[in-house]
Amino acid sequence: MKGRLGLPAAALAALQLAACRRDAPAPPPPGPGPDARDVAVESRPAGAEVLVRGAPRCRTPCTFRLDPGRYRLVLRLHGYMPWEEELWVKEGSNERVEASLVASH
């Protein structure tokens, strides 16, 4: 049996299901593993949004956990230039990040 687009009914149903899934929100990333370390982030002024690999995590001051590895950390606050840093989370040590934001003109 063929659908309106000349496709078999099963193929049409699969396309419709795929379209529904595309509109659904993406699942959250997996949580940190057992080797995750604490990352404490502070900024002057406080209240900056912290993004890790482009995903929002928290507002400063805050602490969150990351698995060991390399990350791009970005802090954003309205009226200030974005602050960026490459962060290496090492096994066995917690990380502390302090950022002084510069006002935009």
Protein backbone atom coordinates (compact mmCIF):
# COMPACT_ATOMS: atom_id res chain seq x y z
CA MET A 1 0.00 0.00 0.00
CA LYS A 2 1.38 3.45 -0.93
CA GLY A 3 0.92 6.75 0.91
CA ARG A 4 0.23 10.21 -0.51
CA LEU A 5 3.86 10.77 -1.47
CA GLY A 6 4.08 7.52 -3.42
CA LEU A 7 6.08 5.91 -0.64
CA PRO A 8 5.20 2.61 0.99
CA ALA A 9 3.15 3.19 4.15
CA ALA A 10 5.95 1.83 6.39
CA ALA A 11 8.50 4.27 4.89
CA LEU A 12 6.11 7.18 5.31
CA ALA A 13 5.50 6.23 8.95
CA ALA A 14 9.27 6.07 9.56
CA LEU A 15 9.74 9.56 8.08
CA GLN A 16 6.94 10.96 10.24
CA LEU A 17 8.45 9.38 13.36
CA ALA A 18 11.89 10.80 12.52
CA ALA A 19 10.37 14.26 12.12
CA CYS A 20 8.77 13.99 15.57
CA ARG A 21 12.06 12.94 17.14
CA ARG A 22 13.92 15.84 15.50
CA ASP A 23 11.63 18.34 17.25
CA ALA A 24 12.05 16.69 20.65
CA PRO A 25 14.62 18.26 23.00
CA ALA A 26 18.02 16.61 23.04
CA PRO A 27 18.65 14.36 26.03
CA PRO A 28 20.93 15.82 28.70
CA PRO A 29 24.60 14.87 28.50
CA PRO A 30 25.66 11.94 30.65
CA GLY A 31 26.70 12.79 34.19
CA PRO A 32 30.32 12.81 35.24
CA GLY A 33 32.01 9.49 35.90
CA PRO A 34 33.63 8.22 39.09
CA ASP A 35 36.92 10.03 38.30
CA ALA A 36 35.24 13.45 38.01
CA ARG A 37 36.83 16.37 39.83
CA ASP A 38 35.34 19.53 41.32
CA VAL A 39 35.72 22.72 39.31
CA ALA A 40 35.08 25.93 41.29
CA VAL A 41 34.51 29.07 39.22
CA GLU A 42 34.44 32.64 40.51
CA SER A 43 34.23 35.90 38.60
CA ARG A 44 34.49 39.60 39.30
CA PRO A 45 31.78 40.71 39.05
CA ALA A 46 29.78 37.66 40.15
CA GLY A 47 26.76 36.37 38.26
CA ALA A 48 28.46 35.42 34.98
CA GLU A 49 27.01 32.51 33.03
CA VAL A 50 29.50 29.62 32.81
CA LEU A 51 29.54 27.56 29.60
CA VAL A 52 31.54 24.36 29.22
CA ARG A 53 32.04 23.22 25.61
CA GLY A 54 29.24 25.62 24.68
CA ALA A 55 26.68 24.22 27.13
CA PRO A 56 25.48 26.39 30.07
CA ARG A 57 26.41 24.99 33.49
CA CYS A 58 25.80 27.61 36.20
CA ARG A 59 26.27 31.24 37.27
CA THR A 60 29.29 32.35 39.27
CA PRO A 61 30.25 31.64 41.96
CA CYS A 62 29.59 27.94 41.43
CA THR A 63 31.11 24.48 41.60
CA PHE A 64 30.44 21.54 39.30
CA ARG A 65 32.08 18.23 38.41
CA LEU A 66 33.93 17.33 35.21
CA ASP A 67 35.71 14.19 34.08
CA PRO A 68 39.47 14.54 33.52
CA GLY A 69 40.22 16.09 30.13
CA ARG A 70 40.44 19.34 28.20
CA TYR A 71 37.53 21.79 28.12
CA ARG A 72 36.76 25.25 26.68
CA LEU A 73 35.37 27.41 29.48
CA VAL A 74 33.49 30.63 28.62
CA LEU A 75 32.02 33.18 31.03
CA ARG A 76 29.43 35.67 29.79
CA LEU A 77 27.80 38.59 31.55
CA HIS A 78 25.77 41.39 29.96
CA GLY A 79 27.88 44.53 29.65
CA TYR A 80 31.18 42.63 29.76
CA MET A 81 33.46 41.04 27.18
CA PRO A 82 33.24 37.22 27.04
CA TRP A 83 36.03 35.55 29.00
CA GLU A 84 37.51 32.30 27.62
CA GLU A 85 40.07 29.81 28.87
CA GLU A 86 41.18 26.29 28.06
CA LEU A 87 40.84 24.19 31.19
CA TRP A 88 42.68 20.94 31.80
CA VAL A 89 41.02 18.83 34.48
CA LYS A 90 43.63 16.47 35.85
CA GLU A 91 43.07 13.19 37.63
CA GLY A 92 43.35 13.49 41.38
CA SER A 93 43.12 17.30 41.66
CA ASN A 94 40.26 19.76 41.89
CA GLU A 95 40.37 22.92 39.78
CA ARG A 96 39.76 26.55 40.72
CA VAL A 97 39.12 29.24 38.10
CA GLU A 98 39.08 32.97 38.85
CA ALA A 99 38.06 35.37 36.09
CA SER A 100 38.15 39.17 36.04
CA LEU A 101 35.66 40.34 33.44
CA VAL A 102 36.37 43.48 31.40
CA ALA A 103 33.52 45.91 30.75
CA SER A 104 32.58 46.33 27.08
CA HIS A 105 32.50 49.84 25.68
